[in-house]
């Protein structure tokens, strides 16, 4: 890991446990063994650190989503794989999910607008999948937007409770949640 990666990791940990407002640059510096003022050689501000964390999270989610849907032409499989990627990401990146949900209020412009635009793009990816399934007669929902929100909530919820050493394996959770997503959209078998 580079020094910048170490700083981002320390900031993520501190933002998760203390909150953005309660964390100082001196706290972040102490976590990586750098005096607070020296941090400015590596990062412009605490706000930039938060923006980097949240922007990277959304970009990673978009990338795993695109890879998942590119792996199949079948609409049901595409939604299953997109949900699997979404849930798996949230199981593995709980801190990023926590900070991303709790600290959106702490972002200032232009960072806030950028992160909100990435979030909207990510939700639209799921909505487009649901709309395509409805148009093809494969999914039955009254609102594609509401269904996409419900699928997104599945992954975000996993980040709150899932633990690697818990009762269920990551693969079990991912498979079950993808099945839940297909039930949410009323998936019907291909004729």
N, C-alpha and C. Protein backbone atom coordinates (compact mmCIF):
# COMPACT_ATOMS: atom_id res chain seq x y z
N UNK A 1 0.83 -1.19 0.00
CA UNK A 1 0.00 0.00 0.00
C UNK A 1 0.88 1.25 0.00
N UNK A 2 0.43 2.24 -0.73
CA UNK A 2 1.16 3.51 -0.75
C UNK A 2 0.80 4.32 0.50
N UNK A 3 1.55 5.37 0.73
CA UNK A 3 1.27 6.25 1.86
C UNK A 3 -0.14 6.85 1.72
N UNK A 4 -0.52 7.24 0.50
CA UNK A 4 -1.86 7.78 0.28
C UNK A 4 -2.94 6.76 0.60
N UNK A 5 -2.69 5.50 0.22
CA UNK A 5 -3.64 4.43 0.54
C UNK A 5 -3.76 4.23 2.05
N UNK A 6 -2.63 4.29 2.74
CA UNK A 6 -2.64 4.16 4.20
C UNK A 6 -3.45 5.29 4.84
N UNK A 7 -3.28 6.49 4.32
CA UNK A 7 -4.00 7.65 4.85
C UNK A 7 -5.49 7.49 4.63
N UNK A 8 -5.88 7.07 3.41
CA UNK A 8 -7.31 6.86 3.12
C UNK A 8 -7.89 5.76 4.01
N UNK A 9 -7.14 4.68 4.21
CA UNK A 9 -7.62 3.58 5.05
C UNK A 9 -7.80 4.05 6.50
N UNK A 10 -6.86 4.83 6.99
CA UNK A 10 -6.98 5.35 8.36
C UNK A 10 -8.17 6.30 8.47
N UNK A 11 -8.34 7.15 7.48
CA UNK A 11 -9.47 8.08 7.49
C UNK A 11 -10.79 7.31 7.46
N UNK A 12 -10.87 6.28 6.64
CA UNK A 12 -12.09 5.47 6.56
C UNK A 12 -12.41 4.86 7.92
N UNK A 13 -11.42 4.30 8.55
CA UNK A 13 -11.61 3.69 9.87
C UNK A 13 -12.09 4.73 10.88
N UNK A 14 -11.45 5.88 10.90
CA UNK A 14 -11.82 6.92 11.86
C UNK A 14 -13.18 7.52 11.55
N UNK A 15 -13.49 7.76 10.28
CA UNK A 15 -14.80 8.29 9.92
C UNK A 15 -15.90 7.31 10.32
N UNK A 16 -15.61 6.01 10.23
CA UNK A 16 -16.59 4.99 10.61
C UNK A 16 -16.84 5.00 12.11
N UNK A 17 -15.77 5.04 12.88
CA UNK A 17 -15.91 4.89 14.33
C UNK A 17 -16.16 6.19 15.09
N UNK A 18 -15.63 7.29 14.58
CA UNK A 18 -15.80 8.57 15.27
C UNK A 18 -16.76 9.51 14.56
N UNK A 19 -16.91 9.32 13.27
CA UNK A 19 -17.67 10.25 12.46
C UNK A 19 -16.74 11.26 11.81
N UNK A 20 -17.17 11.80 10.71
CA UNK A 20 -16.35 12.75 9.96
C UNK A 20 -16.06 14.00 10.78
N UNK A 21 -17.10 14.58 11.37
CA UNK A 21 -16.94 15.84 12.10
C UNK A 21 -16.01 15.69 13.30
N UNK A 22 -16.06 14.56 13.98
CA UNK A 22 -15.25 14.36 15.19
C UNK A 22 -13.81 13.95 14.89
N UNK A 23 -13.53 13.63 13.64
CA UNK A 23 -12.17 13.23 13.26
C UNK A 23 -11.39 14.44 12.80
N UNK A 24 -10.18 14.56 13.30
CA UNK A 24 -9.31 15.67 12.88
C UNK A 24 -8.19 15.14 11.99
N UNK A 25 -7.54 16.05 11.29
CA UNK A 25 -6.38 15.67 10.49
C UNK A 25 -5.28 15.13 11.42
N UNK A 26 -5.17 15.67 12.62
CA UNK A 26 -4.18 15.16 13.58
C UNK A 26 -4.49 13.71 13.94
N UNK A 27 -5.77 13.36 14.08
CA UNK A 27 -6.17 11.98 14.36
C UNK A 27 -5.72 11.05 13.23
N UNK A 28 -5.97 11.50 12.00
CA UNK A 28 -5.60 10.70 10.83
C UNK A 28 -4.08 10.55 10.77
N UNK A 29 -3.38 11.65 10.99
CA UNK A 29 -1.93 11.60 10.99
C UNK A 29 -1.40 10.64 12.04
N UNK A 30 -1.96 10.71 13.24
CA UNK A 30 -1.51 9.82 14.32
C UNK A 30 -1.73 8.35 13.96
N UNK A 31 -2.81 8.06 13.26
CA UNK A 31 -3.13 6.69 12.88
C UNK A 31 -2.13 6.11 11.89
N UNK A 32 -1.47 6.98 11.13
CA UNK A 32 -0.48 6.51 10.14
C UNK A 32 0.94 6.92 10.50
N UNK A 33 1.10 7.51 11.68
CA UNK A 33 2.43 7.88 12.13
C UNK A 33 3.01 9.12 11.47
N UNK A 34 2.13 10.03 11.09
CA UNK A 34 2.56 11.29 10.48
C UNK A 34 1.96 12.42 11.30
N UNK A 35 2.73 13.44 11.57
CA UNK A 35 2.17 14.60 12.27
C UNK A 35 1.15 15.27 11.37
N UNK A 36 0.06 15.75 11.98
CA UNK A 36 -1.06 16.35 11.25
C UNK A 36 -0.66 17.27 10.11
N UNK A 37 0.19 18.27 10.34
CA UNK A 37 0.55 19.19 9.26
C UNK A 37 1.25 18.51 8.08
N UNK A 38 1.99 17.43 8.35
CA UNK A 38 2.68 16.72 7.27
C UNK A 38 1.72 15.98 6.35
N UNK A 39 0.51 15.73 6.83
CA UNK A 39 -0.49 15.06 5.98
C UNK A 39 -0.78 15.87 4.72
N UNK A 40 -0.66 17.18 4.82
CA UNK A 40 -1.00 18.03 3.69
C UNK A 40 -0.04 17.86 2.52
N UNK A 41 1.05 17.14 2.73
CA UNK A 41 1.92 16.77 1.61
C UNK A 41 1.28 15.67 0.77
N UNK A 42 0.33 14.94 1.38
CA UNK A 42 -0.28 13.78 0.74
C UNK A 42 -1.74 13.99 0.35
N UNK A 43 -2.40 14.89 1.05
CA UNK A 43 -3.84 15.11 0.80
C UNK A 43 -4.16 16.58 1.07
N UNK A 44 -5.06 17.13 0.27
CA UNK A 44 -5.37 18.56 0.38
C UNK A 44 -6.16 18.90 1.64
N UNK A 45 -7.09 18.02 2.02
CA UNK A 45 -7.94 18.32 3.18
C UNK A 45 -8.69 17.07 3.63
N UNK A 46 -9.28 17.17 4.79
CA UNK A 46 -10.14 16.09 5.30
C UNK A 46 -11.33 15.90 4.36
N UNK A 47 -11.86 17.00 3.84
CA UNK A 47 -12.97 16.93 2.90
C UNK A 47 -12.57 16.16 1.65
N UNK A 48 -11.37 16.40 1.15
CA UNK A 48 -10.91 15.66 -0.02
C UNK A 48 -10.78 14.17 0.27
N UNK A 49 -10.35 13.83 1.47
CA UNK A 49 -10.27 12.41 1.85
C UNK A 49 -11.66 11.77 1.82
N UNK A 50 -12.63 12.44 2.40
CA UNK A 50 -14.00 11.92 2.40
C UNK A 50 -14.51 11.78 0.97
N UNK A 51 -14.27 12.78 0.16
CA UNK A 51 -14.71 12.73 -1.24
C UNK A 51 -14.02 11.60 -1.99
N UNK A 52 -12.74 11.40 -1.77
CA UNK A 52 -12.02 10.30 -2.43
C UNK A 52 -12.61 8.96 -2.05
N UNK A 53 -12.87 8.78 -0.77
CA UNK A 53 -13.44 7.51 -0.30
C UNK A 53 -14.80 7.27 -0.94
N UNK A 54 -15.66 8.27 -0.91
CA UNK A 54 -17.03 8.09 -1.40
C UNK A 54 -17.07 7.98 -2.93
N UNK A 55 -16.26 8.73 -3.62
CA UNK A 55 -16.22 8.66 -5.08
C UNK A 55 -15.67 7.31 -5.53
N UNK A 56 -14.58 6.88 -4.90
CA UNK A 56 -13.99 5.58 -5.26
C UNK A 56 -14.98 4.45 -5.03
N UNK A 57 -15.71 4.52 -3.93
CA UNK A 57 -16.71 3.48 -3.63
C UNK A 57 -17.74 3.40 -4.75
N UNK A 58 -18.27 4.53 -5.16
CA UNK A 58 -19.29 4.52 -6.21
C UNK A 58 -18.71 4.07 -7.55
N UNK A 59 -17.50 4.48 -7.86
CA UNK A 59 -16.86 4.06 -9.11
C UNK A 59 -16.61 2.55 -9.11
N UNK A 60 -16.21 2.01 -7.96
CA UNK A 60 -16.00 0.56 -7.85
C UNK A 60 -17.33 -0.19 -8.01
N UNK A 61 -18.39 0.32 -7.39
CA UNK A 61 -19.70 -0.32 -7.53
C UNK A 61 -20.15 -0.32 -8.99
N UNK A 62 -19.97 0.80 -9.67
CA UNK A 62 -20.34 0.87 -11.09
C UNK A 62 -19.52 -0.11 -11.92
N UNK A 63 -18.25 -0.23 -11.63
CA UNK A 63 -17.38 -1.16 -12.37
C UNK A 63 -17.78 -2.61 -12.16
N UNK A 64 -18.06 -3.01 -10.90
CA UNK A 64 -18.45 -4.40 -10.67
C UNK A 64 -19.83 -4.68 -11.27
N UNK A 65 -20.69 -3.68 -11.26
CA UNK A 65 -22.01 -3.84 -11.87
C UNK A 65 -21.86 -4.09 -13.38
N UNK A 66 -21.09 -3.24 -14.03
CA UNK A 66 -20.91 -3.38 -15.49
C UNK A 66 -20.31 -4.73 -15.86
N UNK A 67 -19.34 -5.17 -15.10
CA UNK A 67 -18.74 -6.48 -15.36
C UNK A 67 -19.76 -7.60 -15.17
N UNK A 68 -20.58 -7.48 -14.15
CA UNK A 68 -21.59 -8.51 -13.87
C UNK A 68 -22.61 -8.61 -14.99
N UNK A 69 -23.14 -7.48 -15.44
CA UNK A 69 -24.19 -7.55 -16.47
C UNK A 69 -23.62 -7.89 -17.84
N UNK A 70 -22.34 -7.62 -18.04
CA UNK A 70 -21.72 -7.96 -19.33
C UNK A 70 -21.49 -9.46 -19.47
N UNK A 71 -21.64 -10.20 -18.38
CA UNK A 71 -21.33 -11.63 -18.40
C UNK A 71 -22.49 -12.50 -18.86
N UNK A 72 -23.64 -11.89 -19.21
CA UNK A 72 -24.79 -12.67 -19.68
C UNK A 72 -25.70 -11.80 -20.54
N UNK A 73 -26.39 -12.46 -21.47
CA UNK A 73 -27.40 -11.76 -22.27
C UNK A 73 -28.80 -11.99 -21.73
N UNK A 74 -28.96 -12.98 -20.86
CA UNK A 74 -30.27 -13.30 -20.29
C UNK A 74 -30.63 -12.26 -19.22
N UNK A 75 -31.82 -11.68 -19.33
CA UNK A 75 -32.23 -10.60 -18.42
C UNK A 75 -32.27 -11.03 -16.96
N UNK A 76 -32.79 -12.20 -16.70
CA UNK A 76 -32.87 -12.68 -15.33
C UNK A 76 -31.47 -12.91 -14.77
N UNK A 77 -30.61 -13.52 -15.56
CA UNK A 77 -29.23 -13.75 -15.12
C UNK A 77 -28.49 -12.44 -14.92
N UNK A 78 -28.76 -11.46 -15.75
CA UNK A 78 -28.10 -10.17 -15.60
C UNK A 78 -28.47 -9.53 -14.26
N UNK A 79 -29.76 -9.58 -13.91
CA UNK A 79 -30.17 -9.02 -12.62
C UNK A 79 -29.60 -9.84 -11.47
N UNK A 80 -29.61 -11.15 -11.62
CA UNK A 80 -29.04 -12.01 -10.57
C UNK A 80 -27.56 -11.65 -10.37
N UNK A 81 -26.80 -11.57 -11.43
CA UNK A 81 -25.37 -11.30 -11.33
C UNK A 81 -25.09 -9.89 -10.83
N UNK A 82 -25.89 -8.93 -11.25
CA UNK A 82 -25.72 -7.56 -10.75
C UNK A 82 -25.99 -7.51 -9.25
N UNK A 83 -27.02 -8.22 -8.81
CA UNK A 83 -27.34 -8.25 -7.38
C UNK A 83 -26.25 -8.97 -6.61
N UNK A 84 -25.75 -10.06 -7.16
CA UNK A 84 -24.65 -10.79 -6.51
C UNK A 84 -23.44 -9.87 -6.33
N UNK A 85 -23.08 -9.14 -7.37
CA UNK A 85 -21.94 -8.23 -7.30
C UNK A 85 -22.18 -7.14 -6.26
N UNK A 86 -23.40 -6.62 -6.24
CA UNK A 86 -23.78 -5.57 -5.29
C UNK A 86 -23.69 -6.07 -3.85
N UNK A 87 -24.26 -7.21 -3.59
CA UNK A 87 -24.27 -7.77 -2.23
C UNK A 87 -22.84 -8.15 -1.81
N UNK A 88 -22.11 -8.77 -2.71
CA UNK A 88 -20.74 -9.18 -2.39
C UNK A 88 -19.88 -7.95 -2.06
N UNK A 89 -20.02 -6.90 -2.84
CA UNK A 89 -19.26 -5.68 -2.58
C UNK A 89 -19.57 -5.15 -1.18
N UNK A 90 -20.84 -5.11 -0.84
CA UNK A 90 -21.23 -4.58 0.47
C UNK A 90 -20.82 -5.49 1.63
N UNK A 91 -20.77 -6.79 1.39
CA UNK A 91 -20.28 -7.71 2.42
C UNK A 91 -18.79 -7.49 2.66
N UNK A 92 -18.06 -7.17 1.62
CA UNK A 92 -16.60 -7.01 1.72
C UNK A 92 -16.15 -5.59 2.05
N UNK A 93 -17.03 -4.63 1.87
CA UNK A 93 -16.67 -3.21 2.05
C UNK A 93 -17.66 -2.52 2.98
N UNK A 94 -17.81 -3.08 4.16
CA UNK A 94 -18.79 -2.57 5.12
C UNK A 94 -18.48 -1.14 5.56
N UNK A 95 -17.21 -0.84 5.77
CA UNK A 95 -16.87 0.50 6.23
C UNK A 95 -17.19 1.55 5.17
N UNK A 96 -16.86 1.25 3.93
CA UNK A 96 -17.18 2.19 2.85
C UNK A 96 -18.68 2.42 2.74
N UNK A 97 -19.46 1.35 2.89
CA UNK A 97 -20.92 1.48 2.83
C UNK A 97 -21.43 2.33 3.99
N UNK A 98 -20.90 2.10 5.17
CA UNK A 98 -21.32 2.85 6.34
C UNK A 98 -21.02 4.34 6.17
N UNK A 99 -19.78 4.65 5.81
CA UNK A 99 -19.39 6.05 5.62
C UNK A 99 -20.19 6.66 4.47
N UNK A 100 -20.36 5.91 3.40
CA UNK A 100 -21.10 6.42 2.24
C UNK A 100 -22.53 6.79 2.56
N UNK A 101 -23.15 6.03 3.44
CA UNK A 101 -24.53 6.32 3.81
C UNK A 101 -24.64 7.40 4.88
N UNK A 102 -23.76 7.35 5.86
CA UNK A 102 -23.87 8.28 6.98
C UNK A 102 -23.28 9.65 6.69
N UNK A 103 -22.21 9.72 5.92
CA UNK A 103 -21.49 10.97 5.78
C UNK A 103 -21.79 11.76 4.51
N UNK A 104 -22.78 11.35 3.75
CA UNK A 104 -23.14 12.13 2.55
C UNK A 104 -23.47 13.57 2.96
N UNK A 105 -24.01 13.72 4.14
CA UNK A 105 -24.37 15.05 4.65
C UNK A 105 -23.14 15.92 4.90
N UNK A 106 -21.97 15.29 5.08
CA UNK A 106 -20.75 16.03 5.38
C UNK A 106 -20.02 16.51 4.13
N UNK A 107 -20.40 15.99 2.97
CA UNK A 107 -19.75 16.43 1.73
C UNK A 107 -20.24 17.82 1.35
N UNK A 108 -19.33 18.63 0.84
CA UNK A 108 -19.68 19.95 0.32
C UNK A 108 -19.50 19.92 -1.20
N UNK A 109 -20.06 20.91 -1.85
CA UNK A 109 -19.92 20.99 -3.31
C UNK A 109 -18.48 21.35 -3.68
N UNK A 110 -18.00 20.84 -4.76
CA UNK A 110 -18.67 20.04 -5.79
C UNK A 110 -18.69 18.55 -5.49
N UNK A 111 -18.07 18.13 -4.39
CA UNK A 111 -17.98 16.70 -4.08
C UNK A 111 -19.36 16.06 -3.90
N UNK A 112 -20.23 16.76 -3.18
CA UNK A 112 -21.56 16.20 -2.91
C UNK A 112 -22.31 15.93 -4.22
N UNK A 113 -22.29 16.88 -5.12
CA UNK A 113 -22.97 16.71 -6.40
C UNK A 113 -22.40 15.55 -7.20
N UNK A 114 -21.09 15.40 -7.17
CA UNK A 114 -20.43 14.30 -7.90
C UNK A 114 -20.85 12.95 -7.34
N UNK A 115 -20.82 12.81 -6.03
CA UNK A 115 -21.19 11.54 -5.41
C UNK A 115 -22.67 11.25 -5.63
N UNK A 116 -23.52 12.25 -5.50
CA UNK A 116 -24.95 12.04 -5.73
C UNK A 116 -25.22 11.66 -7.19
N UNK A 117 -24.48 12.23 -8.12
CA UNK A 117 -24.64 11.86 -9.53
C UNK A 117 -24.22 10.41 -9.76
N UNK A 118 -23.14 9.98 -9.13
CA UNK A 118 -22.70 8.58 -9.25
C UNK A 118 -23.72 7.63 -8.63
N UNK A 119 -24.29 8.03 -7.51
CA UNK A 119 -25.34 7.21 -6.88
C UNK A 119 -26.56 7.08 -7.80
N UNK A 120 -26.95 8.19 -8.40
CA UNK A 120 -28.10 8.17 -9.31
C UNK A 120 -27.81 7.28 -10.52
N UNK A 121 -26.59 7.36 -11.02
CA UNK A 121 -26.19 6.51 -12.15
C UNK A 121 -26.26 5.03 -11.77
N UNK A 122 -25.81 4.72 -10.57
CA UNK A 122 -25.82 3.33 -10.11
C UNK A 122 -27.25 2.82 -9.95
N UNK A 123 -28.10 3.61 -9.35
CA UNK A 123 -29.51 3.21 -9.23
C UNK A 123 -30.14 3.03 -10.60
N UNK A 124 -29.82 3.92 -11.52
CA UNK A 124 -30.37 3.84 -12.88
C UNK A 124 -29.95 2.54 -13.57
N UNK A 125 -28.77 2.05 -13.27
CA UNK A 125 -28.33 0.78 -13.85
C UNK A 125 -29.28 -0.35 -13.45
N UNK A 126 -29.66 -0.39 -12.19
CA UNK A 126 -30.60 -1.42 -11.74
C UNK A 126 -32.00 -1.18 -12.30
N UNK A 127 -32.40 0.08 -12.34
CA UNK A 127 -33.72 0.40 -12.89
C UNK A 127 -33.81 -0.01 -14.36
N UNK A 128 -32.75 0.23 -15.11
CA UNK A 128 -32.73 -0.17 -16.53
C UNK A 128 -32.85 -1.68 -16.69
N UNK A 129 -32.19 -2.43 -15.81
CA UNK A 129 -32.33 -3.89 -15.85
C UNK A 129 -33.77 -4.31 -15.59
N UNK A 130 -34.38 -3.70 -14.59
CA UNK A 130 -35.77 -4.05 -14.26
C UNK A 130 -36.70 -3.63 -15.40
N UNK A 131 -36.52 -2.43 -15.93
CA UNK A 131 -37.35 -1.99 -17.06
C UNK A 131 -37.22 -2.92 -18.25
N UNK A 132 -36.00 -3.36 -18.54
CA UNK A 132 -35.79 -4.28 -19.67
C UNK A 132 -36.51 -5.60 -19.42
N UNK A 133 -36.45 -6.07 -18.18
CA UNK A 133 -37.15 -7.31 -17.85
C UNK A 133 -38.66 -7.18 -17.93
N UNK A 134 -39.17 -6.03 -17.52
CA UNK A 134 -40.62 -5.78 -17.62
C UNK A 134 -41.02 -5.72 -19.09
N UNK A 135 -40.26 -4.99 -19.90
CA UNK A 135 -40.56 -4.84 -21.33
C UNK A 135 -40.54 -6.19 -22.05
N UNK A 136 -39.69 -7.10 -21.60
CA UNK A 136 -39.59 -8.42 -22.22
C UNK A 136 -40.57 -9.43 -21.61
N UNK A 137 -41.37 -8.98 -20.65
CA UNK A 137 -42.32 -9.87 -20.00
C UNK A 137 -41.68 -10.84 -19.02
N UNK A 138 -40.46 -10.57 -18.61
CA UNK A 138 -39.73 -11.47 -17.70
C UNK A 138 -39.88 -11.05 -16.23
N UNK A 139 -40.16 -9.76 -15.99
CA UNK A 139 -40.35 -9.26 -14.62
C UNK A 139 -41.73 -8.63 -14.53
N UNK A 140 -42.31 -8.71 -13.35
CA UNK A 140 -43.63 -8.12 -13.12
C UNK A 140 -43.58 -7.25 -11.88
N UNK A 141 -43.45 -5.94 -12.10
CA UNK A 141 -43.46 -4.99 -10.99
C UNK A 141 -44.28 -3.78 -11.40
N UNK A 142 -44.87 -3.13 -10.42
CA UNK A 142 -45.63 -1.91 -10.69
C UNK A 142 -44.71 -0.72 -10.90
N UNK A 143 -43.56 -0.71 -10.22
CA UNK A 143 -42.63 0.41 -10.31
C UNK A 143 -41.20 -0.11 -10.39
N UNK A 144 -40.57 0.10 -11.53
CA UNK A 144 -39.17 -0.32 -11.69
C UNK A 144 -38.27 0.47 -10.74
N UNK A 145 -38.59 1.73 -10.52
CA UNK A 145 -37.78 2.55 -9.61
C UNK A 145 -37.84 1.98 -8.19
N UNK A 146 -39.04 1.67 -7.72
CA UNK A 146 -39.19 1.13 -6.38
C UNK A 146 -38.50 -0.23 -6.26
N UNK A 147 -38.63 -1.05 -7.28
CA UNK A 147 -37.96 -2.37 -7.27
C UNK A 147 -36.45 -2.20 -7.24
N UNK A 148 -35.92 -1.24 -8.00
CA UNK A 148 -34.46 -1.04 -7.99
C UNK A 148 -34.00 -0.55 -6.63
N UNK A 149 -34.76 0.31 -5.99
CA UNK A 149 -34.41 0.75 -4.63
C UNK A 149 -34.40 -0.44 -3.66
N UNK A 150 -35.38 -1.31 -3.79
CA UNK A 150 -35.46 -2.48 -2.91
C UNK A 150 -34.25 -3.39 -3.10
N UNK A 151 -33.84 -3.61 -4.34
CA UNK A 151 -32.67 -4.44 -4.61
C UNK A 151 -31.42 -3.78 -4.03
N UNK A 152 -31.29 -2.48 -4.21
CA UNK A 152 -30.14 -1.76 -3.65
C UNK A 152 -30.11 -1.86 -2.13
N UNK A 153 -31.27 -1.79 -1.50
CA UNK A 153 -31.35 -1.91 -0.05
C UNK A 153 -30.87 -3.27 0.44
N UNK A 154 -31.04 -4.30 -0.38
CA UNK A 154 -30.56 -5.62 0.02
C UNK A 154 -29.06 -5.57 0.32
N UNK A 155 -28.30 -5.04 -0.60
CA UNK A 155 -26.84 -4.99 -0.42
C UNK A 155 -26.45 -4.08 0.71
N UNK A 156 -27.08 -2.92 0.77
CA UNK A 156 -26.72 -1.97 1.82
C UNK A 156 -27.03 -2.54 3.19
N UNK A 157 -28.09 -3.32 3.29
CA UNK A 157 -28.42 -3.95 4.56
C UNK A 157 -27.38 -4.98 4.98
N UNK A 158 -26.85 -5.71 4.02
CA UNK A 158 -25.82 -6.71 4.32
C UNK A 158 -24.62 -6.05 4.99
N UNK A 159 -24.28 -4.87 4.55
CA UNK A 159 -23.11 -4.19 5.12
C UNK A 159 -23.29 -3.90 6.61
N UNK A 160 -24.52 -3.85 7.08
CA UNK A 160 -24.78 -3.54 8.48
C UNK A 160 -24.63 -4.76 9.39
N UNK A 161 -24.90 -5.95 8.86
CA UNK A 161 -24.91 -7.11 9.76
C UNK A 161 -23.94 -8.22 9.40
N UNK A 162 -23.51 -8.30 8.17
CA UNK A 162 -22.69 -9.44 7.75
C UNK A 162 -21.29 -9.40 8.39
N UNK A 163 -20.82 -10.58 8.80
CA UNK A 163 -19.46 -10.74 9.32
C UNK A 163 -18.87 -12.02 8.71
N UNK A 164 -17.61 -11.97 8.34
CA UNK A 164 -16.95 -13.13 7.72
C UNK A 164 -17.00 -14.36 8.61
N UNK A 165 -16.94 -14.16 9.91
CA UNK A 165 -16.92 -15.29 10.84
C UNK A 165 -18.32 -15.63 11.36
N UNK A 166 -19.34 -15.11 10.69
CA UNK A 166 -20.72 -15.35 11.11
C UNK A 166 -21.25 -16.71 10.69
N UNK A 167 -22.51 -16.90 10.95
CA UNK A 167 -23.19 -18.17 10.69
C UNK A 167 -23.24 -18.52 9.21
N UNK A 168 -23.39 -17.52 8.35
CA UNK A 168 -23.56 -17.75 6.91
C UNK A 168 -22.32 -17.31 6.14
N UNK A 169 -21.96 -18.10 5.14
CA UNK A 169 -20.82 -17.73 4.29
C UNK A 169 -21.23 -16.60 3.36
N UNK A 170 -20.24 -15.91 2.86
CA UNK A 170 -20.51 -14.84 1.90
C UNK A 170 -21.26 -15.39 0.69
N UNK A 171 -20.83 -16.53 0.16
CA UNK A 171 -21.49 -17.11 -1.00
C UNK A 171 -22.95 -17.45 -0.73
N UNK A 172 -23.24 -17.94 0.46
CA UNK A 172 -24.63 -18.27 0.82
C UNK A 172 -25.48 -17.00 0.83
N UNK A 173 -24.96 -15.96 1.46
CA UNK A 173 -25.70 -14.70 1.53
C UNK A 173 -25.91 -14.12 0.12
N UNK A 174 -24.86 -14.12 -0.67
CA UNK A 174 -24.94 -13.58 -2.03
C UNK A 174 -25.99 -14.34 -2.84
N UNK A 175 -25.97 -15.66 -2.77
CA UNK A 175 -26.92 -16.46 -3.54
C UNK A 175 -28.36 -16.22 -3.06
N UNK A 176 -28.57 -16.24 -1.76
CA UNK A 176 -29.92 -16.03 -1.23
C UNK A 176 -30.45 -14.65 -1.58
N UNK A 177 -29.61 -13.63 -1.45
CA UNK A 177 -30.05 -12.27 -1.75
C UNK A 177 -30.33 -12.08 -3.23
N UNK A 178 -29.58 -12.75 -4.08
CA UNK A 178 -29.89 -12.63 -5.52
C UNK A 178 -31.23 -13.30 -5.81
N UNK A 179 -31.52 -14.38 -5.10
CA UNK A 179 -32.83 -15.02 -5.24
C UNK A 179 -33.93 -14.09 -4.73
N UNK A 180 -33.67 -13.41 -3.61
CA UNK A 180 -34.65 -12.43 -3.10
C UNK A 180 -34.91 -11.35 -4.14
N UNK A 181 -33.87 -10.88 -4.80
CA UNK A 181 -34.03 -9.82 -5.81
C UNK A 181 -34.92 -10.29 -6.96
N UNK A 182 -34.72 -11.52 -7.40
CA UNK A 182 -35.55 -12.04 -8.50
C UNK A 182 -37.00 -12.18 -8.06
N UNK A 183 -37.23 -12.52 -6.82
CA UNK A 183 -38.60 -12.59 -6.29
C UNK A 183 -39.21 -11.19 -6.20
N UNK A 184 -38.38 -10.21 -5.81
CA UNK A 184 -38.87 -8.84 -5.72
C UNK A 184 -39.41 -8.33 -7.06
N UNK A 185 -38.75 -8.71 -8.13
CA UNK A 185 -39.18 -8.22 -9.45
C UNK A 185 -40.16 -9.15 -10.11
N UNK A 186 -40.57 -10.21 -9.41
CA UNK A 186 -41.53 -11.14 -9.99
C UNK A 186 -41.00 -11.85 -11.22
N UNK A 187 -39.74 -12.27 -11.17
CA UNK A 187 -39.10 -12.93 -12.33
C UNK A 187 -39.88 -14.17 -12.72
N UNK A 188 -40.09 -14.31 -14.01
CA UNK A 188 -40.76 -15.48 -14.57
C UNK A 188 -39.79 -16.19 -15.48
N UNK A 189 -39.89 -17.51 -15.56
CA UNK A 189 -38.96 -18.26 -16.43
C UNK A 189 -39.10 -17.82 -17.89
N UNK A 190 -38.00 -17.96 -18.61
CA UNK A 190 -38.02 -17.62 -20.05
C UNK A 190 -38.89 -18.64 -20.76
N UNK A 191 -39.76 -18.16 -21.68
CA UNK A 191 -40.64 -19.11 -22.38
C UNK A 191 -39.89 -20.08 -23.27
